[in-house]
Amino acid sequence: MSAAPTLCVGITGLNAKPENPGPGLAVARSLREALGDTVRIVGLSYDVLDAGLYLTEYCDAAYLLPYPSAGEDQLMQRIHYIQQQENMDMMIPCLDAELLSFTRLQTAFEDLGIRMLLPDREQLLRRNKDRLGELAEQADIRYPESKNISNTAFFYQCHEQGWRYPMVVKGLFYDATVVHNAEQGAAAFQCIAADWGLPVLVQRYAKGHEVNLVALGDGQGNMLGAVMMRKQAVTDKGKAWAAITIEDPNLHETARKLVQALRWSGPLEVEILKDEGGQYLLIEINPRFPAWVYLATAAGVNLPAALVSILQDKTPDLGTAAVGRLMIRYAQETVIDLATFESMAIAGMHLADKE
C-alpha cells in the first residue's frame, strides 16, 4: 500500500484537442513522472468535454472552473470550495486567458494556502501581442511589423497602406492564421474576434521555420532550465505535432535578453521564426508552459517539477537537455462511464480515488 501524498498541486488547462492541446496534461504527466504517488494532482478545467478531466493516471481529482468571462468573484468562490475539499499547496495555471485574473488574485490564493509562481500584471501586459514590438525594440530583437485592426475593411484596403498578401491574422490570446486574400482575411478576423475579442492583429508574413524555447524565469532577470526545439510538423493551428530538441545559441541569447528585460517570474515559452536568410524574428512570448513541455521532461529537464521545488523554497534540480529527442504527438481516445460524465456535468467534479 502506497503512502498518502505529501503534496497537492492544482493544474489548469486540461483541454486536449488534437489540433490545439492545452499544456495541463503535459505538466501533470511531468509531475507524475517526477513525484509519483507522493503528489496528489487536482485537474482544473473549463469544459465538461475536456478529456484531461477524466485521465485518472494523471489526475487524482478533477473540477470544473467557471469561464473567465464569469468574473473573478465566481472564480474565487469556486476556488474556496475546491480548497475545502483538496487543501492544495500550490497551483500551476496553464492558459493565457486566465493568467491576468490569477495574477490579480495571487494574494487571495496565498491567503488560502495556495502558492503560485506568476508574472506580475505589468510583465504580462508587456508581452501581449499588441505590445510585443515595443519589448522587442527594447531588447534589440527583430520583430515582424504588426498592426491592430478593429474591422474587416482593412483586408480590402490593405494595399493602400503598403500591406500585401500573404499575412498573418492573430488573436490577442490565441490563434494565428495565414491568409492569402481579403476574403480569407475577413473570415479569419470574424472567427478570431468572436473567440477572443478585439483588437485583432495582422502581422507581416515571413517564410522560415519555427524554433521555440521553454524555461523558468526567477523574477530577478535570470532564465533557468532552458530547453529548445524545432518544429518538424504542425497542426492547422500552427501547434507542434512533431518537434526535435536542439541547441541554438542565438535562440538562447534572444530568450535570455527577453527574460532579463521583463525580469520574468514563472514559466514562459519564446517563439522565434528563423527566416530564409537566417535572421531571427520574435513571434510570441507565451506566459506559461507550452503543450510540448513534456518533450523537455523526456530530454532530461523536468521544468514542472523544478517549478514545484521553487514553490517549496528548494533549489531546483535542472540538468542539460539532450539534443535530438524527437516528439511525435498522437490522438488517443479515453472512454468513461456515463455516471462519471454526469458527475462532472452536474456537480462539476470527479474524484478518481472514489470510483
Protein backbone atom coordinates (compact mmCIF):
# COMPACT_ATOMS: atom_id res chain seq x y z
CA MET A 1 0.00 0.00 0.00
CA SER A 2 1.48 3.36 -1.06
CA ALA A 3 1.89 6.22 1.39
CA ALA A 4 -0.54 9.14 1.33
CA PRO A 5 0.57 12.03 -0.91
CA THR A 6 2.59 14.71 0.86
CA LEU A 7 1.89 17.43 -1.70
CA CYS A 8 -1.25 18.59 -3.53
CA VAL A 9 -0.94 20.53 -6.80
CA GLY A 10 -3.73 22.07 -8.88
CA ILE A 11 -3.18 22.25 -12.65
CA THR A 12 -5.38 24.07 -15.17
CA GLY A 13 -5.53 23.73 -18.95
CA LEU A 14 -6.61 20.09 -19.33
CA ASN A 15 -8.21 20.61 -22.74
CA ALA A 16 -6.70 18.09 -25.15
CA LYS A 17 -7.93 18.92 -28.64
CA PRO A 18 -5.56 17.25 -31.10
CA GLU A 19 -5.10 20.37 -33.23
CA ASN A 20 -4.60 22.72 -30.25
CA PRO A 21 -3.93 20.92 -26.95
CA GLY A 22 -3.61 22.72 -23.64
CA PRO A 23 -0.43 22.36 -21.58
CA GLY A 24 -2.09 20.94 -18.45
CA LEU A 25 -1.77 17.25 -19.30
CA ALA A 26 1.92 17.57 -20.18
CA VAL A 27 2.51 19.37 -16.86
CA ALA A 28 0.60 16.69 -14.93
CA ARG A 29 2.47 13.92 -16.75
CA SER A 30 5.79 15.56 -15.87
CA LEU A 31 4.87 15.85 -12.19
CA ARG A 32 3.60 12.28 -12.02
CA GLU A 33 6.83 11.05 -13.56
CA ALA A 34 8.97 13.01 -11.10
CA LEU A 35 6.95 12.63 -7.91
CA GLY A 36 4.86 9.50 -8.38
CA ASP A 37 2.29 8.85 -5.66
CA THR A 38 3.81 11.46 -3.35
CA VAL A 39 1.84 14.15 -5.20
CA ARG A 40 -1.93 14.49 -5.44
CA ILE A 41 -2.79 16.18 -8.72
CA VAL A 42 -6.04 18.14 -8.94
CA GLY A 43 -7.09 18.80 -12.53
CA LEU A 44 -8.94 22.06 -13.19
CA SER A 45 -10.62 22.86 -16.46
CA TYR A 46 -13.45 24.85 -18.03
CA ASP A 47 -15.38 22.45 -20.27
CA VAL A 48 -17.07 19.18 -19.34
CA LEU A 49 -15.66 17.65 -22.56
CA ASP A 50 -12.03 18.46 -21.73
CA ALA A 51 -10.56 14.97 -21.91
CA GLY A 52 -7.87 15.56 -19.31
CA LEU A 53 -10.50 15.75 -16.58
CA TYR A 54 -11.03 12.00 -16.94
CA LEU A 55 -7.45 10.72 -17.28
CA THR A 56 -7.08 9.25 -13.81
CA GLU A 57 -3.48 8.16 -14.36
CA TYR A 58 -2.56 11.85 -14.16
CA CYS A 59 -5.33 13.47 -12.10
CA ASP A 60 -6.46 12.14 -8.73
CA ALA A 61 -9.40 14.55 -8.74
CA ALA A 62 -10.86 16.95 -11.28
CA TYR A 63 -13.10 20.01 -11.04
CA LEU A 64 -14.73 22.45 -13.43
CA LEU A 65 -13.92 26.14 -13.11
CA PRO A 66 -16.21 28.97 -14.25
CA TYR A 67 -15.14 30.51 -17.55
CA PRO A 68 -13.01 33.67 -17.12
CA SER A 69 -15.92 35.71 -18.52
CA ALA A 70 -17.92 34.85 -15.37
CA GLY A 71 -15.67 37.17 -13.37
CA GLU A 72 -13.18 36.90 -10.56
CA ASP A 73 -15.78 36.67 -7.76
CA GLN A 74 -17.17 33.49 -9.30
CA LEU A 75 -13.66 32.12 -9.73
CA MET A 76 -12.75 32.71 -6.08
CA GLN A 77 -15.99 31.18 -4.84
CA ARG A 78 -15.17 28.04 -6.79
CA ILE A 79 -11.55 28.01 -5.62
CA HIS A 80 -12.73 28.34 -2.00
CA TYR A 81 -14.94 25.27 -2.46
CA ILE A 82 -12.21 23.22 -4.15
CA GLN A 83 -9.69 24.19 -1.49
CA GLN A 84 -12.04 22.98 1.24
CA GLN A 85 -12.10 19.58 -0.49
CA GLU A 86 -8.46 19.30 -1.53
CA ASN A 87 -6.20 21.55 0.55
CA MET A 88 -3.97 22.39 -2.41
CA ASP A 89 -0.43 23.54 -1.63
CA MET A 90 0.18 25.19 -4.98
CA MET A 91 -1.33 25.76 -8.39
CA ILE A 92 0.15 25.85 -11.90
CA PRO A 93 -2.06 27.91 -14.27
CA CYS A 94 -1.54 26.84 -17.88
CA LEU A 95 -3.77 29.08 -20.02
CA ASP A 96 -3.08 32.61 -21.24
CA ALA A 97 -6.66 33.83 -20.86
CA GLU A 98 -6.81 33.07 -17.12
CA LEU A 99 -3.44 34.46 -16.07
CA LEU A 100 -4.36 38.11 -15.62
CA SER A 101 -7.10 37.15 -13.14
CA PHE A 102 -4.83 34.69 -11.32
CA THR A 103 -2.14 37.36 -11.06
CA ARG A 104 -4.56 39.91 -9.62
CA LEU A 105 -5.86 37.31 -7.17
CA GLN A 106 -2.48 35.93 -6.12
CA THR A 107 -2.72 37.35 -2.59
CA ALA A 108 -6.19 35.84 -2.18
CA PHE A 109 -4.82 32.46 -3.30
CA GLU A 110 -1.96 32.75 -0.82
CA ASP A 111 -4.45 33.51 1.96
CA LEU A 112 -5.98 30.10 1.16
CA GLY A 113 -2.56 28.44 1.37
CA ILE A 114 -2.09 28.14 -2.42
CA ARG A 115 1.27 29.28 -3.79
CA MET A 116 1.93 30.18 -7.44
CA LEU A 117 4.92 31.47 -9.41
CA LEU A 118 3.47 34.05 -11.79
CA PRO A 119 4.49 37.20 -13.63
CA ASP A 120 3.00 40.42 -12.33
CA ARG A 121 0.41 42.44 -14.24
CA GLU A 122 2.91 44.73 -15.95
CA GLN A 123 5.07 41.81 -17.10
CA LEU A 124 2.01 40.13 -18.58
CA LEU A 125 0.90 43.25 -20.41
CA ARG A 126 4.37 43.99 -21.82
CA ARG A 127 4.47 40.61 -23.59
CA ASN A 128 0.96 40.98 -25.02
CA LYS A 129 0.96 40.63 -28.78
CA ASP A 130 -0.17 44.23 -29.25
CA ARG A 131 2.87 45.49 -27.26
CA LEU A 132 5.46 42.92 -28.23
CA GLY A 133 7.07 45.18 -30.79
CA GLU A 134 7.99 47.68 -28.07
CA LEU A 135 9.59 44.95 -25.96
CA ALA A 136 11.49 43.56 -28.95
CA GLU A 137 12.89 47.01 -29.69
CA GLN A 138 13.99 47.44 -26.08
CA ALA A 139 15.75 44.06 -26.12
CA ASP A 140 17.23 44.74 -29.60
CA ILE A 141 15.41 41.83 -31.22
CA ARG A 142 13.84 41.86 -34.69
CA TYR A 143 10.05 41.69 -34.80
CA PRO A 144 7.77 41.50 -37.85
CA GLU A 145 5.67 44.61 -38.34
CA SER A 146 2.24 44.24 -36.76
CA LYS A 147 -0.94 46.30 -36.73
CA ASN A 148 -4.09 46.32 -34.59
CA ILE A 149 -7.34 46.28 -36.55
CA SER A 150 -10.95 46.51 -35.41
CA ASN A 151 -12.91 45.66 -38.57
CA THR A 152 -12.66 43.70 -41.81
CA ALA A 153 -12.29 46.76 -44.06
CA PHE A 154 -8.51 46.59 -43.65
CA PHE A 155 -8.29 43.40 -45.72
CA TYR A 156 -9.90 45.06 -48.74
CA GLN A 157 -7.83 48.27 -48.44
CA CYS A 158 -4.53 46.95 -47.07
CA HIS A 159 -2.62 47.58 -50.31
CA GLU A 160 -3.23 51.31 -49.81
CA GLN A 161 -1.25 51.05 -46.53
CA GLY A 162 1.60 49.05 -48.06
CA TRP A 163 0.46 45.63 -46.88
CA ARG A 164 0.49 42.64 -49.22
CA TYR A 165 -0.73 39.05 -49.02
CA PRO A 166 0.01 36.60 -47.52
CA MET A 167 -0.19 37.97 -43.98
CA VAL A 168 -0.86 36.51 -40.54
CA VAL A 169 -4.06 37.24 -38.59
CA LYS A 170 -3.79 36.79 -34.80
CA GLY A 171 -5.92 36.98 -31.67
CA LEU A 172 -4.66 38.69 -28.52
CA PHE A 173 -4.60 35.38 -26.62
CA TYR A 174 -4.70 32.53 -29.15
CA ASP A 175 -4.97 31.63 -32.81
CA ALA A 176 -2.88 32.62 -35.79
CA THR A 177 -3.97 32.11 -39.39
CA VAL A 178 -2.06 32.78 -42.61
CA VAL A 179 -4.40 34.39 -45.15
CA HIS A 180 -3.84 34.87 -48.88
CA ASN A 181 -6.65 37.22 -49.90
CA ALA A 182 -9.24 39.62 -48.49
CA GLU A 183 -11.97 37.01 -48.16
CA GLN A 184 -9.74 34.72 -46.12
CA GLY A 185 -8.60 37.67 -44.02
CA ALA A 186 -12.15 38.78 -43.25
CA ALA A 187 -13.20 35.23 -42.35
CA ALA A 188 -10.20 34.78 -40.03
CA PHE A 189 -10.88 38.16 -38.40
CA GLN A 190 -14.51 37.29 -37.68
CA CYS A 191 -13.63 33.89 -36.25
CA ILE A 192 -10.82 35.21 -34.01
CA ALA A 193 -12.79 38.26 -32.86
CA ALA A 194 -15.74 36.04 -31.91
CA ASP A 195 -13.48 33.84 -29.78
CA TRP A 196 -11.06 36.37 -28.27
CA GLY A 197 -12.47 39.84 -28.84
CA LEU A 198 -10.88 42.97 -30.28
CA PRO A 199 -8.42 44.14 -31.36
CA VAL A 200 -7.28 41.55 -33.85
CA LEU A 201 -3.70 41.77 -35.07
CA VAL A 202 -2.26 41.45 -38.55
CA GLN A 203 1.43 40.71 -38.99
CA ARG A 204 3.81 40.66 -41.94
CA TYR A 205 4.36 37.12 -43.17
CA ALA A 206 7.88 35.73 -43.34
CA LYS A 207 9.00 32.37 -44.68
CA GLY A 208 11.14 30.19 -42.49
CA HIS A 209 10.98 27.58 -39.75
CA GLU A 210 9.96 27.99 -36.14
CA VAL A 211 12.20 27.35 -33.14
CA ASN A 212 10.87 27.57 -29.59
CA LEU A 213 12.34 27.74 -26.10
CA VAL A 214 10.74 26.89 -22.75
CA ALA A 215 12.24 27.98 -19.43
CA LEU A 216 11.55 29.40 -15.99
CA GLY A 217 12.19 33.00 -15.01
CA ASP A 218 13.26 33.62 -11.41
CA GLY A 219 11.84 37.15 -11.23
CA GLN A 220 15.33 38.64 -10.99
CA GLY A 221 16.15 38.58 -14.68
CA ASN A 222 17.65 35.06 -14.78
CA MET A 223 16.49 32.25 -17.08
CA LEU A 224 16.51 28.72 -15.64
CA GLY A 225 16.44 25.31 -17.33
CA ALA A 226 16.08 26.42 -20.93
CA VAL A 227 15.12 23.72 -23.45
CA MET A 228 14.95 24.44 -27.17
CA MET A 229 13.18 22.67 -30.01
CA ARG A 230 12.50 22.97 -33.71
CA LYS A 231 9.03 22.25 -35.06
CA GLN A 232 9.09 19.41 -37.57
CA ALA A 233 5.34 19.24 -38.30
CA VAL A 234 2.46 21.44 -37.22
CA THR A 235 -1.33 21.28 -36.96
CA ASP A 236 -3.62 23.63 -38.85
CA LYS A 237 -3.37 25.90 -35.77
CA GLY A 238 0.42 26.01 -36.10
CA LYS A 239 0.93 23.86 -32.98
CA ALA A 240 3.77 21.35 -32.85
CA TRP A 241 2.71 17.88 -33.99
CA ALA A 242 6.32 16.76 -34.19
CA ALA A 243 9.38 18.52 -32.78
CA ILE A 244 13.03 17.79 -32.02
CA THR A 245 15.23 19.18 -29.25
CA ILE A 246 18.09 21.36 -30.50
CA GLU A 247 20.91 23.53 -29.22
CA ASP A 248 20.73 27.03 -30.68
CA PRO A 249 22.92 29.70 -29.03
CA ASN A 250 21.20 32.55 -30.88
CA LEU A 251 17.75 31.41 -29.73
CA HIS A 252 19.06 31.04 -26.17
CA GLU A 253 20.57 34.53 -26.19
CA THR A 254 17.40 36.06 -27.64
CA ALA A 255 15.27 34.46 -24.91
CA ARG A 256 17.78 35.44 -22.21
CA LYS A 257 17.57 39.10 -23.25
CA LEU A 258 13.77 38.98 -23.14
CA VAL A 259 13.68 37.35 -19.69
CA GLN A 260 16.17 39.92 -18.45
CA ALA A 261 14.22 42.85 -19.92
CA LEU A 262 10.98 41.61 -18.36
CA ARG A 263 12.51 40.27 -15.13
CA TRP A 264 10.12 37.43 -15.81
CA SER A 265 8.71 35.31 -12.99
CA GLY A 266 7.44 31.80 -13.75
CA PRO A 267 7.20 29.60 -16.86
CA LEU A 268 7.40 31.03 -20.35
CA GLU A 269 7.75 29.97 -23.97
CA VAL A 270 9.56 32.09 -26.55
CA GLU A 271 8.56 31.51 -30.18
CA ILE A 272 11.05 32.57 -32.84
CA LEU A 273 10.90 32.37 -36.63
CA LYS A 274 14.24 31.76 -38.32
CA ASP A 275 13.69 33.21 -41.79
CA GLU A 276 15.21 32.05 -45.07
CA GLY A 277 18.09 34.48 -44.63
CA GLY A 278 18.96 33.05 -41.21
CA GLN A 279 17.61 36.08 -39.35
CA TYR A 280 15.64 35.60 -36.12
CA LEU A 281 12.20 37.18 -35.73
CA LEU A 282 10.33 37.23 -32.43
CA ILE A 283 6.83 35.82 -32.91
CA GLU A 284 5.35 35.43 -29.41
CA ILE A 285 6.10 35.11 -25.72
CA ASN A 286 3.66 32.76 -24.03
CA PRO A 287 3.32 33.31 -20.26
CA ARG A 288 3.07 29.65 -19.25
CA PHE A 289 4.36 26.19 -20.06
CA PRO A 290 3.69 25.12 -23.67
CA ALA A 291 1.81 21.96 -24.58
CA TRP A 292 5.13 20.42 -25.70
CA VAL A 293 6.75 20.79 -22.25
CA TYR A 294 6.83 17.01 -21.77
CA LEU A 295 9.44 16.92 -24.56
CA ALA A 296 11.69 18.93 -22.22
CA THR A 297 10.99 16.42 -19.45
CA ALA A 298 11.82 13.49 -21.71
CA ALA A 299 15.03 15.26 -22.75
CA GLY A 300 16.13 15.44 -19.12
CA VAL A 301 14.84 18.80 -17.84
CA ASN A 302 11.61 18.47 -15.86
CA LEU A 303 10.52 22.10 -15.64
CA PRO A 304 7.14 21.49 -13.91
CA ALA A 305 8.98 19.55 -11.17
CA ALA A 306 11.53 22.38 -10.94
CA LEU A 307 8.68 24.86 -10.50
CA VAL A 308 7.29 22.78 -7.64
CA SER A 309 10.73 22.79 -5.99
CA ILE A 310 10.93 26.58 -6.25
CA LEU A 311 7.49 26.93 -4.65
CA GLN A 312 8.74 24.67 -1.82
CA ASP A 313 11.71 27.03 -1.34
CA LYS A 314 14.10 24.35 -2.60
CA THR A 315 16.84 24.60 -5.21
CA PRO A 316 15.51 23.00 -8.41
CA ASP A 317 17.34 20.09 -9.97
CA LEU A 318 18.00 21.28 -13.52
CA GLY A 319 20.30 19.39 -15.86
CA THR A 320 21.05 19.92 -19.54
CA ALA A 321 18.59 18.80 -22.17
CA ALA A 322 19.62 16.03 -24.53
CA VAL A 323 19.75 17.17 -28.16
CA GLY A 324 18.00 15.09 -30.81
CA ARG A 325 14.98 13.88 -28.85
CA LEU A 326 12.06 13.70 -31.27
CA MET A 327 8.46 14.14 -30.15
CA ILE A 328 5.55 12.90 -32.27
CA ARG A 329 2.12 13.78 -30.92
CA TYR A 330 -0.86 11.48 -31.44
CA ALA A 331 -4.57 11.43 -30.66
CA GLN A 332 -5.96 8.81 -28.29
CA GLU A 333 -9.49 8.08 -27.11
CA THR A 334 -10.45 7.91 -23.45
CA VAL A 335 -13.65 6.06 -22.57
CA ILE A 336 -15.60 6.80 -19.38
CA ASP A 337 -18.91 5.64 -17.98
CA LEU A 338 -21.98 7.86 -18.06
CA ALA A 339 -22.04 8.24 -14.27
CA THR A 340 -18.57 9.82 -14.33
CA PHE A 341 -19.61 12.26 -17.06
CA GLU A 342 -22.83 13.12 -15.24
CA SER A 343 -20.88 13.83 -12.06
CA MET A 344 -18.73 16.32 -13.94
CA ALA A 345 -21.64 17.86 -15.84
CA ILE A 346 -23.92 18.22 -12.81
CA ALA A 347 -21.62 18.54 -9.80
CA GLY A 348 -18.59 19.92 -11.66
CA MET A 349 -16.24 17.39 -10.10
CA HIS A 350 -14.89 13.87 -10.34
CA LEU A 351 -12.79 12.05 -7.76
CA ALA A 352 -10.72 9.29 -9.33
CA ASP A 353 -9.85 7.69 -6.00
CA LYS A 354 -13.52 7.29 -5.04
CA GLU A 355 -14.69 5.30 -8.06
